[in-house]
């Protein structure tokens, strides 16, 4: 079991890519670009799916409220970037979100909905700012609609995966394991 875990972790770490939230405004700014963008950054995919996993672990209203808080605050962060409102440490905060959310899932932290939504909302602010920070105003709102839809889809994947994993292991071990792998992948992105 340990050998398989080490091989899986090494493979994930070797395939991890750095943050790719940097766009050429002349080439991007469409709905299609927005729809595809979240899928091309390992940091975004890992964090967004982890939010869905955590929402599934909490259950109840968190299934929709926690992902909705992420999407809403991501849109706020995007708007701040378009308004040229600076936000410090955007890339480090995004990478920290992968590690933190992975650890939260790995430890199966059970917060009420409001604190969980606040935590993911803070991280989402940085994700949204990165999306808008280098895009510029050309086509920004169609791009925003695309990445909002894509983010909601990734959250739904995370929630569905979390529910499926809970059914496969009554004590939540599989989701917790996936959270640990997410945290390790986040560390690999930071130090890789």
Protein backbone atom coordinates (compact mmCIF):
# COMPACT_ATOMS: atom_id res chain seq x y z
CA UNK A 1 0.00 0.00 0.00
CA UNK A 2 2.80 2.42 0.89
CA UNK A 3 4.59 1.66 -2.38
CA UNK A 4 1.46 2.41 -4.43
CA UNK A 5 0.93 5.63 -2.50
CA UNK A 6 4.50 6.76 -3.13
CA UNK A 7 4.28 5.91 -6.83
CA UNK A 8 0.97 7.78 -7.21
CA UNK A 9 2.34 10.79 -5.35
CA UNK A 10 5.53 10.82 -7.40
CA UNK A 11 3.58 10.55 -10.66
CA UNK A 12 1.26 13.37 -9.64
CA UNK A 13 4.17 15.53 -8.57
CA UNK A 14 6.03 14.89 -11.81
CA UNK A 15 3.02 15.83 -13.88
CA UNK A 16 2.14 18.98 -11.94
CA UNK A 17 2.42 22.22 -13.85
CA UNK A 18 2.97 25.70 -12.41
CA UNK A 19 0.15 28.22 -12.17
CA UNK A 20 -1.07 29.18 -15.63
CA UNK A 21 -3.50 32.01 -14.90
CA UNK A 22 -1.62 34.32 -17.25
CA UNK A 23 -3.34 35.11 -20.52
CA UNK A 24 -2.57 37.13 -23.60
CA UNK A 25 -5.49 39.59 -23.71
CA UNK A 26 -5.30 39.78 -27.52
CA UNK A 27 -5.88 36.02 -27.84
CA UNK A 28 -8.30 35.47 -24.97
CA UNK A 29 -11.47 37.07 -23.76
CA UNK A 30 -14.17 34.87 -25.22
CA UNK A 31 -16.70 32.60 -23.55
CA UNK A 32 -14.84 29.57 -24.97
CA UNK A 33 -11.54 30.79 -23.53
CA UNK A 34 -13.20 31.25 -20.17
CA UNK A 35 -14.76 27.81 -20.29
CA UNK A 36 -11.42 26.15 -21.01
CA UNK A 37 -9.17 28.27 -18.80
CA UNK A 38 -9.75 26.62 -15.37
CA UNK A 39 -8.99 23.19 -16.83
CA UNK A 40 -5.44 24.17 -17.90
CA UNK A 41 -4.02 25.12 -14.51
CA UNK A 42 -3.35 22.27 -12.10
CA UNK A 43 -3.55 24.75 -9.23
CA UNK A 44 -7.07 25.82 -10.19
CA UNK A 45 -8.35 22.30 -10.87
CA UNK A 46 -6.98 20.91 -7.60
CA UNK A 47 -8.34 23.75 -5.45
CA UNK A 48 -11.75 23.87 -7.12
CA UNK A 49 -12.30 20.10 -6.96
CA UNK A 50 -11.12 20.11 -3.33
CA UNK A 51 -13.84 22.66 -2.52
CA UNK A 52 -16.40 20.23 -3.92
CA UNK A 53 -14.90 17.34 -1.97
CA UNK A 54 -15.03 19.35 1.24
CA UNK A 55 -18.63 20.40 0.60
CA UNK A 56 -19.52 16.72 0.17
CA UNK A 57 -17.78 15.86 3.44
CA UNK A 58 -19.76 18.52 5.29
CA UNK A 59 -23.02 17.62 3.53
CA UNK A 60 -26.42 19.27 3.78
CA UNK A 61 -26.56 22.91 2.67
CA UNK A 62 -22.80 22.92 2.21
CA UNK A 63 -23.24 20.86 -0.96
CA UNK A 64 -24.33 24.00 -2.80
CA UNK A 65 -23.50 26.88 -0.42
CA UNK A 66 -19.75 26.29 -0.15
CA UNK A 67 -19.17 26.02 -3.92
CA UNK A 68 -21.52 28.99 -4.48
CA UNK A 69 -19.45 31.08 -2.06
CA UNK A 70 -16.32 30.20 -4.01
CA UNK A 71 -17.90 31.17 -7.33
CA UNK A 72 -19.30 34.44 -5.95
CA UNK A 73 -16.03 35.56 -4.37
CA UNK A 74 -14.08 34.47 -7.44
CA UNK A 75 -16.27 36.84 -9.46
CA UNK A 76 -15.55 39.60 -6.92
CA UNK A 77 -11.81 38.97 -7.25
CA UNK A 78 -12.11 39.11 -11.02
CA UNK A 79 -13.92 42.43 -10.79
CA UNK A 80 -11.26 43.83 -8.45
CA UNK A 81 -8.56 42.89 -10.94
CA UNK A 82 -10.43 44.55 -13.80
CA UNK A 83 -10.83 47.66 -11.66
CA UNK A 84 -7.05 47.60 -11.09
CA UNK A 85 -7.48 47.09 -7.34
CA UNK A 86 -4.26 45.39 -6.24
CA UNK A 87 -4.34 42.22 -4.20
CA UNK A 88 -1.03 41.15 -2.69
CA UNK A 89 0.44 37.66 -2.97
CA UNK A 90 -2.05 36.37 -5.54
CA UNK A 91 0.01 33.45 -6.87
CA UNK A 92 1.30 32.35 -3.44
CA UNK A 93 -2.25 32.49 -2.07
CA UNK A 94 -3.53 30.34 -4.93
CA UNK A 95 -0.83 27.75 -4.33
CA UNK A 96 -1.47 27.90 -0.57
CA UNK A 97 -5.17 27.28 -1.28
CA UNK A 98 -4.34 23.96 -2.93
CA UNK A 99 -2.35 22.80 0.08
CA UNK A 100 -4.81 24.16 2.65
CA UNK A 101 -7.92 22.79 0.96
CA UNK A 102 -6.20 19.45 0.43
CA UNK A 103 -5.32 19.30 4.13
CA UNK A 104 -8.85 20.30 5.13
CA UNK A 105 -10.23 17.41 3.07
CA UNK A 106 -7.52 15.03 4.33
CA UNK A 107 -8.38 15.87 7.92
CA UNK A 108 -12.14 15.83 7.16
CA UNK A 109 -12.60 19.17 8.94
CA UNK A 110 -16.26 19.70 9.79
CA UNK A 111 -17.21 23.36 9.96
CA UNK A 112 -20.65 24.87 9.82
CA UNK A 113 -21.59 26.18 6.39
CA UNK A 114 -20.84 29.87 7.09
CA UNK A 115 -17.21 29.44 8.23
CA UNK A 116 -16.55 26.91 5.44
CA UNK A 117 -17.97 29.35 2.89
CA UNK A 118 -15.83 32.15 4.33
CA UNK A 119 -12.67 30.06 4.07
CA UNK A 120 -13.24 29.07 0.45
CA UNK A 121 -14.38 32.62 -0.31
CA UNK A 122 -11.06 34.06 0.80
CA UNK A 123 -9.17 31.66 -1.44
CA UNK A 124 -11.58 32.30 -4.31
CA UNK A 125 -10.87 36.02 -4.18
CA UNK A 126 -7.27 35.28 -5.19
CA UNK A 127 -8.28 32.79 -7.88
CA UNK A 128 -10.63 35.35 -9.42
CA UNK A 129 -8.05 38.12 -9.22
CA UNK A 130 -5.57 35.94 -11.09
CA UNK A 131 -8.14 35.26 -13.81
CA UNK A 132 -8.72 38.96 -14.34
CA UNK A 133 -5.31 40.32 -13.47
CA UNK A 134 -3.70 39.89 -16.84
CA UNK A 135 -6.71 39.67 -19.10
CA UNK A 136 -7.63 43.31 -19.38
CA UNK A 137 -11.09 44.63 -20.21
CA UNK A 138 -11.32 43.25 -23.79
CA UNK A 139 -13.94 40.51 -23.72
CA UNK A 140 -13.64 40.28 -19.96
CA UNK A 141 -17.27 39.63 -19.15
CA UNK A 142 -17.76 36.83 -21.68
CA UNK A 143 -14.52 35.30 -20.42
CA UNK A 144 -15.80 35.64 -16.84
CA UNK A 145 -19.05 33.86 -17.69
CA UNK A 146 -17.01 31.02 -19.17
CA UNK A 147 -14.75 30.50 -16.19
CA UNK A 148 -17.68 30.82 -13.78
CA UNK A 149 -19.50 28.03 -15.61
CA UNK A 150 -16.32 25.91 -15.78
CA UNK A 151 -15.64 26.48 -12.07
CA UNK A 152 -19.19 25.45 -11.17
CA UNK A 153 -18.71 22.31 -13.27
CA UNK A 154 -15.45 21.47 -11.48
CA UNK A 155 -17.20 22.02 -8.13
CA UNK A 156 -19.96 19.64 -9.22
CA UNK A 157 -17.31 17.07 -10.16
CA UNK A 158 -15.75 17.47 -6.73
CA UNK A 159 -19.10 17.14 -4.95
CA UNK A 160 -20.04 14.10 -7.03
CA UNK A 161 -16.65 12.53 -6.44
CA UNK A 162 -16.94 13.20 -2.72
CA UNK A 163 -20.39 11.60 -2.54
CA UNK A 164 -19.22 8.59 -4.57
CA UNK A 165 -16.12 8.13 -2.41
CA UNK A 166 -18.22 8.34 0.77
CA UNK A 167 -20.36 5.47 -0.54
CA UNK A 168 -17.27 3.40 -1.35
CA UNK A 169 -15.70 3.88 2.08
CA UNK A 170 -18.03 4.41 5.02
CA UNK A 171 -15.35 6.12 7.11
CA UNK A 172 -14.38 8.61 4.37
CA UNK A 173 -10.88 7.21 3.90
CA UNK A 174 -10.85 7.54 0.11
CA UNK A 175 -11.83 11.23 0.12
CA UNK A 176 -9.32 11.91 2.86
CA UNK A 177 -6.64 10.14 0.84
CA UNK A 178 -7.51 12.27 -2.18
CA UNK A 179 -7.25 15.36 0.03
CA UNK A 180 -3.77 14.29 1.10
CA UNK A 181 -2.73 13.76 -2.51
CA UNK A 182 -4.11 17.24 -3.32
CA UNK A 183 -2.06 18.80 -0.53
CA UNK A 184 1.07 16.99 -1.74
CA UNK A 185 0.42 18.14 -5.30
CA UNK A 186 0.05 21.69 -4.01
CA UNK A 187 3.39 21.38 -2.23
CA UNK A 188 4.93 20.08 -5.45
CA UNK A 189 3.59 23.13 -7.29
CA UNK A 190 5.11 25.41 -4.68
CA UNK A 191 8.51 23.76 -4.46
CA UNK A 192 8.69 22.17 -7.91
